[in-house]
Every structure is written in C-alpha cells, then in structure tokens.
C-alpha cells in the first residue's frame, strides 16, 4: 500500500491561511494577509494579482461569494 505524502502540493509564502479562511472560486484561491491575494490553482498557487488597501489590514473576511465574485469586509470598512 502506498502512503500519501504529507508534503503540500503547492505553497504560497505570501498568504497565511492560519489567520484568515481562504476562499476558492473557479480557478482562484483568495486569501487575506494585510492585502487580498488571488492565487492561481493551475499554477501552483502563484500570485495572480493582489490588492493593497488599508481596509484589508487586521481582521478581514470574505463577506459574500456569488457568481464567481468574492466580496471582502475589513474592520476598517
């Protein structure tokens, strides 16, 4: 019997999913770590784009997922 590897299939050092819950929509993983990152599932979690805004600093969570769109709400607005 083959034992599955405990190594992750892909890693992105810019994202910290232990602080915020990642959201998967279509071929992207959205994570927050003082900015919003869109990570490409097809390219080993390479950063596709990011948004820097002070509203995403501190606590920020996905607010809604609808028709391939994700909205986020931060504690600063």
Protein backbone atom coordinates (compact mmCIF):
# COMPACT_ATOMS: atom_id res chain seq x y z
CA UNK A 1 0.00 0.00 0.00
CA UNK A 2 1.32 3.42 -0.95
CA UNK A 3 1.26 6.07 1.76
CA UNK A 4 0.31 9.57 0.55
CA UNK A 5 2.90 12.30 1.01
CA UNK A 6 2.41 14.74 3.84
CA UNK A 7 4.13 17.44 1.78
CA UNK A 8 1.85 20.16 0.41
CA UNK A 9 1.09 20.03 -3.32
CA UNK A 10 1.69 23.79 -3.59
CA UNK A 11 2.82 26.64 -1.34
CA UNK A 12 2.49 30.42 -1.42
CA UNK A 13 4.63 32.11 1.23
CA UNK A 14 2.76 35.43 0.93
CA UNK A 15 -0.51 34.05 2.23
CA UNK A 16 -1.22 32.92 5.77
CA UNK A 17 -4.37 30.79 5.83
CA UNK A 18 -3.91 30.27 9.56
CA UNK A 19 -5.03 33.88 10.06
CA UNK A 20 -7.91 34.03 7.56
CA UNK A 21 -10.03 31.44 5.81
CA UNK A 22 -9.11 31.01 2.14
CA UNK A 23 -11.95 31.06 -0.39
CA UNK A 24 -11.88 29.07 -3.64
CA UNK A 25 -13.83 30.43 -6.61
CA UNK A 26 -13.32 28.91 -10.05
CA UNK A 27 -9.53 28.63 -10.60
CA UNK A 28 -8.51 31.10 -7.88
CA UNK A 29 -7.85 30.91 -4.16
CA UNK A 30 -8.46 34.23 -2.39
CA UNK A 31 -6.59 34.88 0.85
CA UNK A 32 -6.05 37.92 3.03
CA UNK A 33 -2.80 38.85 4.77
CA UNK A 34 -2.86 42.67 5.11
CA UNK A 35 -3.83 42.65 1.41
CA UNK A 36 -6.01 40.44 -0.78
CA UNK A 37 -4.22 37.86 -2.89
CA UNK A 38 -5.67 35.88 -5.79
CA UNK A 39 -3.67 32.69 -6.17
CA UNK A 40 -3.75 30.57 -9.31
CA UNK A 41 -4.75 26.96 -8.61
CA UNK A 42 -3.47 25.82 -12.00
CA UNK A 43 -0.02 27.36 -11.43
CA UNK A 44 0.96 26.00 -8.00
CA UNK A 45 -0.63 28.93 -6.10
CA UNK A 46 1.37 31.58 -7.93
CA UNK A 47 0.09 35.07 -7.10
CA UNK A 48 -2.15 36.14 -9.99
CA UNK A 49 -2.79 39.58 -8.51
CA UNK A 50 -3.08 41.40 -5.19
CA UNK A 51 -4.84 44.45 -3.82
CA UNK A 52 -3.14 46.67 -1.25
CA UNK A 53 -5.51 48.76 0.84
CA UNK A 54 -5.52 49.68 4.50
CA UNK A 55 -9.09 48.32 4.75
CA UNK A 56 -7.67 44.80 4.48
CA UNK A 57 -5.26 45.18 7.39
CA UNK A 58 -6.19 43.49 10.60
CA UNK A 59 -9.30 41.34 10.51
CA UNK A 60 -10.77 40.89 7.05
CA UNK A 61 -13.04 38.09 5.95
CA UNK A 62 -14.86 37.08 2.81
CA UNK A 63 -18.30 38.62 3.01
CA UNK A 64 -20.05 37.02 0.07
CA UNK A 65 -19.37 34.68 -2.84
CA UNK A 66 -21.76 34.95 -5.77
CA UNK A 67 -21.40 34.09 -9.47
CA UNK A 68 -17.60 33.90 -9.44
CA UNK A 69 -17.30 37.11 -7.41
CA UNK A 70 -15.96 37.48 -3.89
CA UNK A 71 -16.52 40.49 -1.68
CA UNK A 72 -14.50 41.15 1.46
CA UNK A 73 -15.24 43.13 4.59
CA UNK A 74 -12.47 44.56 6.76
CA UNK A 75 -12.77 46.03 10.24
CA UNK A 76 -11.74 49.43 8.85
CA UNK A 77 -14.60 49.48 6.35
